[in-house]
């Protein structure tokens, strides 16, 4: 993925990439899980492009919680507990897949 390579550490391996964007902090990101980190990545801007990157070290993750909200348009929510707490939201199918991927690293 163009741009993302700039943010990978030497010998860091990508294990999973979300097909669809997920929401974090009111913004959309693609989720990339490597053997070391969870990376939220987005290219922003119509004319002047810039990268928007948020990372969480897998070693700092203490727990992961999955839940669903909504009656008609259900959304999947993953809460990642660690040094900080992160809340990721998206389609239930995408979030269940991401949740299963993340569990392998706990």
Protein backbone atom coordinates (compact mmCIF):
# COMPACT_ATOMS: atom_id res chain seq x y z
CA UNK A 1 0.00 0.00 0.00
CA UNK A 2 1.50 3.31 -1.09
CA UNK A 3 2.13 5.63 1.85
CA UNK A 4 1.67 2.99 4.52
CA UNK A 5 5.12 1.51 3.87
CA UNK A 6 6.58 4.74 5.23
CA UNK A 7 5.11 3.88 8.65
CA UNK A 8 6.13 0.23 8.93
CA UNK A 9 9.10 -0.61 11.12
CA UNK A 10 12.00 -2.67 9.72
CA UNK A 11 10.92 -6.34 9.42
CA UNK A 12 7.38 -5.50 10.60
CA UNK A 13 4.87 -7.85 8.94
CA UNK A 14 1.31 -6.92 7.96
CA UNK A 15 -1.01 -9.69 9.20
CA UNK A 16 -4.41 -8.17 8.40
CA UNK A 17 -5.93 -5.18 6.57
CA UNK A 18 -9.56 -4.14 6.82
CA UNK A 19 -11.49 -4.14 3.55
CA UNK A 20 -13.67 -1.24 4.63
CA UNK A 21 -12.94 1.81 6.74
CA UNK A 22 -13.73 1.88 10.42
CA UNK A 23 -14.48 4.93 12.54
CA UNK A 24 -12.17 6.13 15.28
CA UNK A 25 -12.58 9.53 16.89
CA UNK A 26 -15.21 10.51 14.32
CA UNK A 27 -12.88 9.87 11.36
CA UNK A 28 -12.61 6.96 8.92
CA UNK A 29 -9.48 4.82 8.81
CA UNK A 30 -8.27 1.59 7.30
CA UNK A 31 -7.11 -0.79 10.02
CA UNK A 32 -3.82 -2.60 9.54
CA UNK A 33 -2.69 -5.20 12.08
CA UNK A 34 0.99 -6.09 12.02
CA UNK A 35 2.95 -8.49 14.18
CA UNK A 36 3.75 -5.51 16.47
CA UNK A 37 1.07 -2.83 16.17
CA UNK A 38 -2.45 -1.83 15.29
CA UNK A 39 -2.23 0.96 12.72
CA UNK A 40 -5.12 3.24 11.73
CA UNK A 41 -4.28 4.79 8.38
CA UNK A 42 -5.99 7.33 6.13
CA UNK A 43 -5.07 9.68 3.29
CA UNK A 44 -6.87 12.99 3.77
CA UNK A 45 -7.42 16.06 1.63
CA UNK A 46 -8.90 16.66 -1.82
CA UNK A 47 -6.00 18.57 -3.34
CA UNK A 48 -3.22 18.58 -0.76
CA UNK A 49 -2.98 14.97 0.43
CA UNK A 50 -1.64 14.14 3.85
CA UNK A 51 -1.41 10.99 5.92
CA UNK A 52 -3.37 10.54 9.13
CA UNK A 53 -1.85 7.72 11.20
CA UNK A 54 -2.69 6.41 14.68
CA UNK A 55 -0.79 3.45 16.16
CA UNK A 56 -1.19 1.19 19.18
CA UNK A 57 1.53 -1.25 20.27
CA UNK A 58 0.14 -4.77 20.61
CA UNK A 59 2.31 -5.25 23.70
CA UNK A 60 0.33 -2.44 25.40
CA UNK A 61 -3.07 -4.04 24.71
CA UNK A 62 -4.54 -5.52 27.88
CA UNK A 63 -7.96 -6.48 26.57
CA UNK A 64 -10.34 -6.31 23.64
CA UNK A 65 -14.14 -6.15 23.87
CA UNK A 66 -16.65 -6.59 21.04
CA UNK A 67 -20.29 -5.47 21.13
CA UNK A 68 -23.04 -4.45 18.74
CA UNK A 69 -25.30 -1.40 18.89
CA UNK A 70 -28.37 -0.30 16.97
CA UNK A 71 -31.65 -1.89 16.00
CA UNK A 72 -31.86 -1.40 12.24
CA UNK A 73 -28.37 -0.35 11.12
CA UNK A 74 -26.34 -2.47 13.51
CA UNK A 75 -22.74 -1.43 14.06
CA UNK A 76 -19.94 -3.47 15.51
CA UNK A 77 -17.82 -1.82 18.19
CA UNK A 78 -14.39 -2.92 19.37
CA UNK A 79 -12.98 -1.42 22.53
CA UNK A 80 -9.25 -1.84 22.95
CA UNK A 81 -8.01 -1.48 26.52
CA UNK A 82 -4.39 -0.63 27.20
CA UNK A 83 -2.44 2.44 28.24
CA UNK A 84 -5.22 4.32 26.46
CA UNK A 85 -8.70 3.17 25.50
CA UNK A 86 -9.67 3.12 21.81
CA UNK A 87 -13.14 2.63 20.39
CA UNK A 88 -13.41 1.46 16.76
CA UNK A 89 -16.78 1.27 14.98
CA UNK A 90 -17.89 -0.17 11.66
CA UNK A 91 -20.03 -2.78 9.96
CA UNK A 92 -20.68 -5.84 12.11
CA UNK A 93 -19.05 -8.22 9.60
CA UNK A 94 -15.90 -6.09 9.30
CA UNK A 95 -15.62 -5.59 13.05
CA UNK A 96 -16.15 -9.30 13.86
CA UNK A 97 -13.34 -10.19 11.44
CA UNK A 98 -11.07 -7.55 12.97
CA UNK A 99 -11.93 -8.76 16.48
CA UNK A 100 -11.00 -12.35 15.57
CA UNK A 101 -7.71 -11.15 14.08
CA UNK A 102 -6.84 -9.10 17.16
CA UNK A 103 -7.57 -11.98 19.56
CA UNK A 104 -4.63 -13.91 18.08
CA UNK A 105 -2.25 -11.33 19.54
CA UNK A 106 -3.52 -11.39 23.12
